Amino acid sequence: MSRIIQSIGLWWDGRSVREQRMLAVMGLLIAAVLIWLLVLRPAWTWREAAAERRVAAVASLNRIESGLAALTPEKAGAPMPLIEVEQAARSAAEATGLSVALSVDEAGGIGFEAPGVASAALFGWMATLKTEYGIDTVGVTVIENADATLDASGTLAG
């Protein structure tokens, strides 16, 4: 082993200073490319796959919850008026620190848009609406941004 190191040292010493610098730069470039190919690209691919799996899991959860809701008997009484749905949504958004825009949509429900929000705040708000006010979120669309925030839109139904 020491012979190999000695022969490499002799070979290196036989190079001019200019050649040594060029070889060092080439070695750094090769190392950078290997780090890119073997570490960074697989990590980013894993992150994208995890985001896709999360979206699929949320869709499955929504299907399961809608199936369970179909199995349970309906609550007695009339549906919640739109003004109460809007007030409940605004107070729940304030409680969770979420910035949402609410409007009446063409289907007669309350539409919401929440651009650039954290996932914990968004899903916490939706859970609060469901558990505390009995308001369901219908037709939710969630898009992940490059800065790990979410753009969400959908409809609230009381």
N, C-alpha and C. Protein backbone atom coordinates (compact mmCIF):
# COMPACT_ATOMS: atom_id res chain seq x y z
N MET A 1 0.82 -1.18 0.00
CA MET A 1 0.00 0.00 0.00
C MET A 1 0.87 1.25 0.00
N SER A 2 1.92 1.22 0.79
CA SER A 2 2.80 2.39 0.84
C SER A 2 3.51 2.59 -0.50
N ARG A 3 3.73 1.49 -1.25
CA ARG A 3 4.36 1.62 -2.58
C ARG A 3 3.44 2.38 -3.53
N ILE A 4 2.15 2.08 -3.42
CA ILE A 4 1.18 2.76 -4.29
C ILE A 4 1.16 4.25 -3.97
N ILE A 5 1.14 4.56 -2.67
CA ILE A 5 1.12 5.96 -2.25
C ILE A 5 2.39 6.67 -2.70
N GLN A 6 3.54 5.97 -2.57
CA GLN A 6 4.80 6.56 -3.01
C GLN A 6 4.79 6.82 -4.52
N SER A 7 4.26 5.85 -5.28
CA SER A 7 4.25 6.03 -6.73
C SER A 7 3.31 7.17 -7.13
N ILE A 8 2.19 7.31 -6.43
CA ILE A 8 1.27 8.42 -6.70
C ILE A 8 1.94 9.74 -6.34
N GLY A 9 2.64 9.78 -5.20
CA GLY A 9 3.36 10.99 -4.80
C GLY A 9 4.43 11.37 -5.81
N LEU A 10 5.17 10.39 -6.30
CA LEU A 10 6.18 10.67 -7.31
C LEU A 10 5.54 11.17 -8.60
N TRP A 11 4.44 10.54 -8.97
CA TRP A 11 3.74 10.97 -10.19
C TRP A 11 3.26 12.41 -10.03
N TRP A 12 2.68 12.72 -8.85
CA TRP A 12 2.17 14.08 -8.59
C TRP A 12 3.32 15.10 -8.61
N ASP A 13 4.43 14.75 -7.97
CA ASP A 13 5.59 15.66 -7.94
C ASP A 13 6.18 15.86 -9.32
N GLY A 14 5.98 14.90 -10.22
CA GLY A 14 6.49 15.01 -11.58
C GLY A 14 5.67 15.97 -12.44
N ARG A 15 4.53 16.39 -11.95
CA ARG A 15 3.67 17.33 -12.69
C ARG A 15 4.10 18.76 -12.38
N SER A 16 3.92 19.64 -13.34
CA SER A 16 4.20 21.05 -13.11
C SER A 16 3.08 21.62 -12.23
N VAL A 17 3.32 22.82 -11.68
CA VAL A 17 2.34 23.45 -10.81
C VAL A 17 1.04 23.69 -11.59
N ARG A 18 1.16 24.07 -12.83
CA ARG A 18 -0.03 24.30 -13.67
C ARG A 18 -0.82 23.01 -13.85
N GLU A 19 -0.13 21.91 -14.11
CA GLU A 19 -0.81 20.61 -14.28
C GLU A 19 -1.47 20.17 -12.97
N GLN A 20 -0.77 20.40 -11.85
CA GLN A 20 -1.34 20.03 -10.56
C GLN A 20 -2.64 20.81 -10.29
N ARG A 21 -2.64 22.09 -10.61
CA ARG A 21 -3.85 22.90 -10.41
C ARG A 21 -4.97 22.40 -11.33
N MET A 22 -4.65 22.12 -12.58
CA MET A 22 -5.67 21.64 -13.51
C MET A 22 -6.24 20.30 -13.05
N LEU A 23 -5.39 19.41 -12.55
CA LEU A 23 -5.86 18.11 -12.07
C LEU A 23 -6.72 18.28 -10.80
N ALA A 24 -6.36 19.22 -9.94
CA ALA A 24 -7.14 19.46 -8.73
C ALA A 24 -8.52 20.01 -9.10
N VAL A 25 -8.59 20.95 -10.04
CA VAL A 25 -9.87 21.49 -10.47
C VAL A 25 -10.71 20.40 -11.11
N MET A 26 -10.09 19.54 -11.93
CA MET A 26 -10.81 18.45 -12.56
C MET A 26 -11.37 17.49 -11.49
N GLY A 27 -10.59 17.21 -10.47
CA GLY A 27 -11.06 16.34 -9.40
C GLY A 27 -12.23 16.95 -8.66
N LEU A 28 -12.20 18.27 -8.41
CA LEU A 28 -13.32 18.95 -7.75
C LEU A 28 -14.58 18.90 -8.62
N LEU A 29 -14.42 19.11 -9.92
CA LEU A 29 -15.57 19.05 -10.81
C LEU A 29 -16.18 17.64 -10.86
N ILE A 30 -15.34 16.63 -10.90
CA ILE A 30 -15.84 15.25 -10.89
C ILE A 30 -16.57 14.96 -9.57
N ALA A 31 -16.01 15.43 -8.46
CA ALA A 31 -16.67 15.23 -7.16
C ALA A 31 -18.02 15.94 -7.12
N ALA A 32 -18.10 17.16 -7.68
CA ALA A 32 -19.36 17.90 -7.69
C ALA A 32 -20.42 17.18 -8.52
N VAL A 33 -20.02 16.64 -9.66
CA VAL A 33 -20.96 15.92 -10.52
C VAL A 33 -21.43 14.65 -9.82
N LEU A 34 -20.54 13.94 -9.16
CA LEU A 34 -20.92 12.72 -8.45
C LEU A 34 -21.87 13.04 -7.29
N ILE A 35 -21.62 14.12 -6.57
CA ILE A 35 -22.53 14.51 -5.48
C ILE A 35 -23.90 14.83 -6.05
N TRP A 36 -23.92 15.56 -7.16
CA TRP A 36 -25.20 15.90 -7.81
C TRP A 36 -25.96 14.64 -8.21
N LEU A 37 -25.27 13.71 -8.87
CA LEU A 37 -25.94 12.52 -9.39
C LEU A 37 -26.30 11.50 -8.31
N LEU A 38 -25.47 11.36 -7.30
CA LEU A 38 -25.67 10.30 -6.32
C LEU A 38 -26.39 10.76 -5.04
N VAL A 39 -26.44 12.08 -4.78
CA VAL A 39 -27.06 12.54 -3.55
C VAL A 39 -28.25 13.46 -3.83
N LEU A 40 -28.01 14.55 -4.54
CA LEU A 40 -29.05 15.57 -4.68
C LEU A 40 -30.22 15.13 -5.55
N ARG A 41 -29.97 14.57 -6.72
CA ARG A 41 -31.08 14.17 -7.59
C ARG A 41 -31.96 13.10 -6.94
N PRO A 42 -31.39 12.05 -6.32
CA PRO A 42 -32.27 11.08 -5.65
C PRO A 42 -33.06 11.70 -4.49
N ALA A 43 -32.47 12.64 -3.77
CA ALA A 43 -33.19 13.28 -2.67
C ALA A 43 -34.37 14.08 -3.20
N TRP A 44 -34.19 14.82 -4.29
CA TRP A 44 -35.29 15.60 -4.86
C TRP A 44 -36.35 14.69 -5.44
N THR A 45 -35.96 13.60 -6.05
CA THR A 45 -36.93 12.65 -6.59
C THR A 45 -37.74 12.04 -5.45
N TRP A 46 -37.09 11.72 -4.36
CA TRP A 46 -37.80 11.18 -3.19
C TRP A 46 -38.81 12.18 -2.67
N ARG A 47 -38.44 13.46 -2.62
CA ARG A 47 -39.34 14.49 -2.12
C ARG A 47 -40.57 14.62 -3.01
N GLU A 48 -40.38 14.60 -4.32
CA GLU A 48 -41.51 14.70 -5.25
C GLU A 48 -42.43 13.48 -5.11
N ALA A 49 -41.83 12.29 -4.97
CA ALA A 49 -42.64 11.08 -4.81
C ALA A 49 -43.42 11.13 -3.50
N ALA A 50 -42.82 11.67 -2.45
CA ALA A 50 -43.52 11.78 -1.17
C ALA A 50 -44.70 12.74 -1.28
N ALA A 51 -44.52 13.83 -2.02
CA ALA A 51 -45.63 14.78 -2.21
C ALA A 51 -46.77 14.12 -2.98
N GLU A 52 -46.45 13.33 -4.00
CA GLU A 52 -47.49 12.63 -4.76
C GLU A 52 -48.21 11.60 -3.88
N ARG A 53 -47.46 10.88 -3.05
CA ARG A 53 -48.09 9.92 -2.14
C ARG A 53 -49.00 10.62 -1.13
N ARG A 54 -48.59 11.81 -0.66
CA ARG A 54 -49.41 12.56 0.27
C ARG A 54 -50.73 12.98 -0.37
N VAL A 55 -50.67 13.45 -1.61
CA VAL A 55 -51.89 13.86 -2.31
C VAL A 55 -52.81 12.66 -2.49
N ALA A 56 -52.24 11.51 -2.85
CA ALA A 56 -53.04 10.30 -3.02
C ALA A 56 -53.66 9.88 -1.68
N ALA A 57 -52.91 10.02 -0.59
CA ALA A 57 -53.44 9.65 0.73
C ALA A 57 -54.57 10.58 1.14
N VAL A 58 -54.44 11.87 0.87
CA VAL A 58 -55.51 12.81 1.20
C VAL A 58 -56.76 12.50 0.39
N ALA A 59 -56.58 12.17 -0.89
CA ALA A 59 -57.73 11.81 -1.72
C ALA A 59 -58.40 10.54 -1.19
N SER A 60 -57.61 9.56 -0.78
CA SER A 60 -58.18 8.34 -0.21
C SER A 60 -58.92 8.64 1.09
N LEU A 61 -58.34 9.50 1.92
CA LEU A 61 -59.00 9.87 3.17
C LEU A 61 -60.34 10.55 2.89
N ASN A 62 -60.38 11.44 1.91
CA ASN A 62 -61.63 12.11 1.57
C ASN A 62 -62.69 11.12 1.08
N ARG A 63 -62.26 10.13 0.27
CA ARG A 63 -63.20 9.11 -0.20
C ARG A 63 -63.72 8.29 0.97
N ILE A 64 -62.85 7.93 1.88
CA ILE A 64 -63.26 7.14 3.05
C ILE A 64 -64.22 7.94 3.92
N GLU A 65 -63.89 9.21 4.16
CA GLU A 65 -64.77 10.04 4.99
C GLU A 65 -66.13 10.24 4.33
N SER A 66 -66.16 10.42 3.01
CA SER A 66 -67.46 10.59 2.34
C SER A 66 -68.25 9.29 2.38
N GLY A 67 -67.57 8.15 2.29
CA GLY A 67 -68.25 6.86 2.42
C GLY A 67 -68.81 6.66 3.81
N LEU A 68 -68.05 7.04 4.83
CA LEU A 68 -68.54 6.94 6.20
C LEU A 68 -69.70 7.89 6.44
N ALA A 69 -69.64 9.07 5.85
CA ALA A 69 -70.73 10.02 6.01
C ALA A 69 -72.01 9.48 5.36
N ALA A 70 -71.87 8.75 4.27
CA ALA A 70 -73.05 8.18 3.61
C ALA A 70 -73.66 7.06 4.47
N LEU A 71 -72.85 6.39 5.27
CA LEU A 71 -73.35 5.31 6.12
C LEU A 71 -74.03 5.81 7.38
N THR A 72 -73.63 6.97 7.87
CA THR A 72 -74.21 7.48 9.11
C THR A 72 -75.50 8.22 8.81
N PRO A 73 -76.44 8.17 9.73
CA PRO A 73 -77.71 8.89 9.50
C PRO A 73 -77.47 10.38 9.47
N GLU A 74 -78.29 11.07 8.68
CA GLU A 74 -78.18 12.52 8.55
C GLU A 74 -78.54 13.19 9.86
N LYS A 75 -77.94 14.33 10.10
CA LYS A 75 -78.27 15.12 11.29
C LYS A 75 -79.66 15.71 11.11
N ALA A 76 -80.36 15.79 12.19
CA ALA A 76 -81.69 16.39 12.14
C ALA A 76 -81.55 17.90 12.00
N GLY A 77 -82.49 18.49 11.30
CA GLY A 77 -82.48 19.94 11.17
C GLY A 77 -82.03 20.37 9.79
N ALA A 78 -82.18 21.66 9.54
CA ALA A 78 -81.84 22.23 8.25
C ALA A 78 -80.34 22.47 8.17
N PRO A 79 -79.81 22.57 6.95
CA PRO A 79 -78.39 22.88 6.82
C PRO A 79 -78.09 24.29 7.34
N MET A 80 -76.84 24.48 7.70
CA MET A 80 -76.42 25.75 8.26
C MET A 80 -76.51 26.85 7.19
N PRO A 81 -77.06 28.01 7.53
CA PRO A 81 -77.13 29.11 6.56
C PRO A 81 -75.72 29.56 6.13
N LEU A 82 -75.62 30.10 4.91
CA LEU A 82 -74.33 30.49 4.37
C LEU A 82 -73.62 31.53 5.22
N ILE A 83 -74.36 32.45 5.80
CA ILE A 83 -73.74 33.49 6.62
C ILE A 83 -73.08 32.89 7.85
N GLU A 84 -73.70 31.85 8.42
CA GLU A 84 -73.10 31.18 9.59
C GLU A 84 -71.87 30.37 9.17
N VAL A 85 -71.92 29.76 7.98
CA VAL A 85 -70.75 29.03 7.48
C VAL A 85 -69.59 30.00 7.30
N GLU A 86 -69.90 31.16 6.71
CA GLU A 86 -68.85 32.16 6.48
C GLU A 86 -68.27 32.66 7.80
N GLN A 87 -69.12 32.96 8.77
CA GLN A 87 -68.64 33.45 10.06
C GLN A 87 -67.80 32.40 10.77
N ALA A 88 -68.24 31.15 10.72
CA ALA A 88 -67.48 30.07 11.35
C ALA A 88 -66.13 29.90 10.67
N ALA A 89 -66.12 29.98 9.35
CA ALA A 89 -64.86 29.82 8.61
C ALA A 89 -63.90 30.95 8.94
N ARG A 90 -64.40 32.18 9.02
CA ARG A 90 -63.53 33.32 9.35
C ARG A 90 -62.97 33.21 10.77
N SER A 91 -63.82 32.83 11.73
CA SER A 91 -63.33 32.73 13.10
C SER A 91 -62.34 31.58 13.27
N ALA A 92 -62.58 30.48 12.58
CA ALA A 92 -61.63 29.36 12.65
C ALA A 92 -60.32 29.73 11.98
N ALA A 93 -60.38 30.50 10.89
CA ALA A 93 -59.16 30.93 10.19
C ALA A 93 -58.35 31.87 11.09
N GLU A 94 -59.03 32.79 11.77
CA GLU A 94 -58.33 33.69 12.68
C GLU A 94 -57.69 32.93 13.83
N ALA A 95 -58.40 31.91 14.32
CA ALA A 95 -57.87 31.12 15.45
C ALA A 95 -56.62 30.34 15.06
N THR A 96 -56.55 29.90 13.81
CA THR A 96 -55.38 29.13 13.37
C THR A 96 -54.33 29.99 12.69
N GLY A 97 -54.59 31.30 12.55
CA GLY A 97 -53.63 32.19 11.92
C GLY A 97 -53.54 32.02 10.42
N LEU A 98 -54.66 31.68 9.82
CA LEU A 98 -54.69 31.40 8.38
C LEU A 98 -55.35 32.56 7.66
N SER A 99 -54.81 32.90 6.49
CA SER A 99 -55.38 33.97 5.67
C SER A 99 -56.13 33.34 4.50
N VAL A 100 -57.46 33.41 4.54
CA VAL A 100 -58.28 32.84 3.48
C VAL A 100 -59.21 33.90 2.92
N ALA A 101 -59.51 33.75 1.63
CA ALA A 101 -60.49 34.61 0.97
C ALA A 101 -61.75 33.79 0.78
N LEU A 102 -62.88 34.27 1.29
CA LEU A 102 -64.14 33.56 1.22
C LEU A 102 -65.08 34.29 0.27
N SER A 103 -65.85 33.52 -0.50
CA SER A 103 -66.83 34.11 -1.41
C SER A 103 -67.92 33.07 -1.68
N VAL A 104 -69.08 33.53 -2.13
CA VAL A 104 -70.16 32.62 -2.49
C VAL A 104 -69.86 32.10 -3.89
N ASP A 105 -69.85 30.77 -4.05
CA ASP A 105 -69.57 30.21 -5.37
C ASP A 105 -70.86 29.95 -6.14
N GLU A 106 -70.72 29.51 -7.39
CA GLU A 106 -71.89 29.32 -8.24
C GLU A 106 -72.77 28.15 -7.80
N ALA A 107 -72.25 27.24 -7.01
CA ALA A 107 -73.03 26.09 -6.55
C ALA A 107 -73.84 26.42 -5.30
N GLY A 108 -73.71 27.63 -4.78
CA GLY A 108 -74.47 28.01 -3.61
C GLY A 108 -73.76 27.74 -2.30
N GLY A 109 -72.49 27.39 -2.34
CA GLY A 109 -71.71 27.18 -1.13
C GLY A 109 -70.76 28.35 -0.93
N ILE A 110 -69.94 28.23 0.08
CA ILE A 110 -68.93 29.25 0.34
C ILE A 110 -67.61 28.73 -0.23
N GLY A 111 -67.09 29.44 -1.22
CA GLY A 111 -65.81 29.07 -1.80
C GLY A 111 -64.69 29.72 -1.01
N PHE A 112 -63.54 29.06 -0.96
CA PHE A 112 -62.39 29.64 -0.26
C PHE A 112 -61.15 29.49 -1.12
N GLU A 113 -60.23 30.42 -0.93
CA GLU A 113 -58.91 30.37 -1.54
C GLU A 113 -57.90 30.73 -0.45
N ALA A 114 -56.87 29.91 -0.34
CA ALA A 114 -55.83 30.13 0.67
C ALA A 114 -54.47 30.00 -0.02
N PRO A 115 -53.94 31.10 -0.57
CA PRO A 115 -52.65 31.03 -1.25
C PRO A 115 -51.48 31.15 -0.29
N GLY A 116 -50.44 30.36 -0.52
CA GLY A 116 -49.19 30.46 0.23
C GLY A 116 -49.31 30.17 1.71
N VAL A 117 -50.04 29.12 2.08
CA VAL A 117 -50.24 28.79 3.49
C VAL A 117 -49.44 27.54 3.86
N ALA A 118 -49.16 27.41 5.13
CA ALA A 118 -48.48 26.21 5.63
C ALA A 118 -49.49 25.06 5.69
N SER A 119 -49.01 23.86 5.45
CA SER A 119 -49.91 22.71 5.42
C SER A 119 -50.55 22.47 6.79
N ALA A 120 -49.81 22.69 7.86
CA ALA A 120 -50.37 22.47 9.21
C ALA A 120 -51.52 23.44 9.47
N ALA A 121 -51.35 24.69 9.06
CA ALA A 121 -52.41 25.68 9.28
C ALA A 121 -53.64 25.35 8.44
N LEU A 122 -53.44 24.99 7.18
CA LEU A 122 -54.57 24.69 6.29
C LEU A 122 -55.37 23.49 6.79
N PHE A 123 -54.68 22.38 7.05
CA PHE A 123 -55.40 21.18 7.46
C PHE A 123 -55.93 21.30 8.89
N GLY A 124 -55.27 22.10 9.73
CA GLY A 124 -55.80 22.38 11.06
C GLY A 124 -57.09 23.17 10.97
N TRP A 125 -57.14 24.14 10.07
CA TRP A 125 -58.35 24.93 9.84
C TRP A 125 -59.49 24.05 9.36
N MET A 126 -59.21 23.18 8.39
CA MET A 126 -60.24 22.28 7.86
C MET A 126 -60.74 21.33 8.94
N ALA A 127 -59.83 20.83 9.77
CA ALA A 127 -60.24 19.93 10.86
C ALA A 127 -61.07 20.67 11.89
N THR A 128 -60.71 21.91 12.20
CA THR A 128 -61.48 22.71 13.15
C THR A 128 -62.89 22.95 12.62
N LEU A 129 -63.00 23.28 11.34
CA LEU A 129 -64.32 23.48 10.74
C LEU A 129 -65.18 22.23 10.87
N LYS A 130 -64.58 21.07 10.64
CA LYS A 130 -65.33 19.81 10.68
C LYS A 130 -65.73 19.46 12.11
N THR A 131 -64.79 19.52 13.04
CA THR A 131 -65.08 19.04 14.40
C THR A 131 -65.90 20.03 15.22
N GLU A 132 -65.59 21.32 15.12
CA GLU A 132 -66.26 22.29 15.98
C GLU A 132 -67.54 22.86 15.38
N TYR A 133 -67.62 22.94 14.05
CA TYR A 133 -68.77 23.58 13.42
C TYR A 133 -69.59 22.65 12.53
N GLY A 134 -69.08 21.46 12.25
CA GLY A 134 -69.79 20.52 11.38
C GLY A 134 -69.79 20.96 9.93
N ILE A 135 -68.79 21.73 9.52
CA ILE A 135 -68.69 22.22 8.15
C ILE A 135 -67.71 21.34 7.37
N ASP A 136 -68.19 20.82 6.24
CA ASP A 136 -67.37 19.96 5.40
C ASP A 136 -66.68 20.78 4.33
N THR A 137 -65.49 20.35 3.93
CA THR A 137 -64.80 20.95 2.79
C THR A 137 -65.03 20.03 1.60
N VAL A 138 -65.50 20.61 0.50
CA VAL A 138 -65.88 19.84 -0.68
C VAL A 138 -65.03 20.32 -1.85
N GLY A 139 -64.55 19.39 -2.65
CA GLY A 139 -63.81 19.74 -3.86
C GLY A 139 -62.56 20.55 -3.58
N VAL A 140 -61.75 20.09 -2.67
CA VAL A 140 -60.54 20.83 -2.31
C VAL A 140 -59.45 20.55 -3.33
N THR A 141 -58.80 21.61 -3.78
CA THR A 141 -57.64 21.50 -4.67
C THR A 141 -56.45 22.08 -3.94
N VAL A 142 -55.38 21.30 -3.84
CA VAL A 142 -54.18 21.73 -3.13
C VAL A 142 -53.00 21.61 -4.09
N ILE A 143 -52.23 22.69 -4.20
CA ILE A 143 -51.04 22.71 -5.05
C ILE A 143 -49.86 23.09 -4.18
N GLU A 144 -48.78 22.29 -4.25
CA GLU A 144 -47.59 22.59 -3.47
C GLU A 144 -46.71 23.56 -4.23
N ASN A 145 -46.25 24.60 -3.55
CA ASN A 145 -45.36 25.59 -4.13
C ASN A 145 -43.92 25.19 -3.93
N ALA A 146 -43.01 25.85 -4.62
CA ALA A 146 -41.59 25.54 -4.50
C ALA A 146 -41.04 25.86 -3.12
N ASP A 147 -41.66 26.79 -2.41
CA ASP A 147 -41.18 27.16 -1.08
C ASP A 147 -41.86 26.36 0.03
N ALA A 148 -42.43 25.20 -0.31
CA ALA A 148 -43.06 24.27 0.64
C ALA A 148 -44.34 24.82 1.26
N THR A 149 -44.94 25.85 0.65
CA THR A 149 -46.25 26.30 1.07
C THR A 149 -47.28 25.70 0.12
N LEU A 150 -48.55 25.89 0.44
CA LEU A 150 -49.62 25.33 -0.36
C LEU A 150 -50.54 26.44 -0.87
N ASP A 151 -51.07 26.23 -2.07
CA ASP A 151 -52.16 27.05 -2.58
C ASP A 151 -53.37 26.14 -2.58
N ALA A 152 -54.41 26.51 -1.83
CA ALA A 152 -55.58 25.66 -1.71
C ALA A 152 -56.84 26.43 -2.09
N SER A 153 -57.80 25.71 -2.67
CA SER A 153 -59.11 26.29 -2.96
C SER A 153 -60.13 25.17 -2.85
N GLY A 154 -61.38 25.56 -2.59
CA GLY A 154 -62.43 24.57 -2.46
C GLY A 154 -63.72 25.23 -2.04
N THR A 155 -64.64 24.39 -1.59
CA THR A 155 -65.96 24.87 -1.19
C THR A 155 -66.27 24.34 0.20
N LEU A 156 -66.93 25.17 0.99
CA LEU A 156 -67.37 24.78 2.33
C LEU A 156 -68.86 24.55 2.30
N ALA A 157 -69.31 23.47 2.94
CA ALA A 157 -70.73 23.16 2.97
C ALA A 157 -71.12 22.85 4.42
N GLY A 158 -72.14 23.55 4.91
CA GLY A 158 -72.59 23.36 6.29
C GLY A 158 -73.73 22.42 6.26
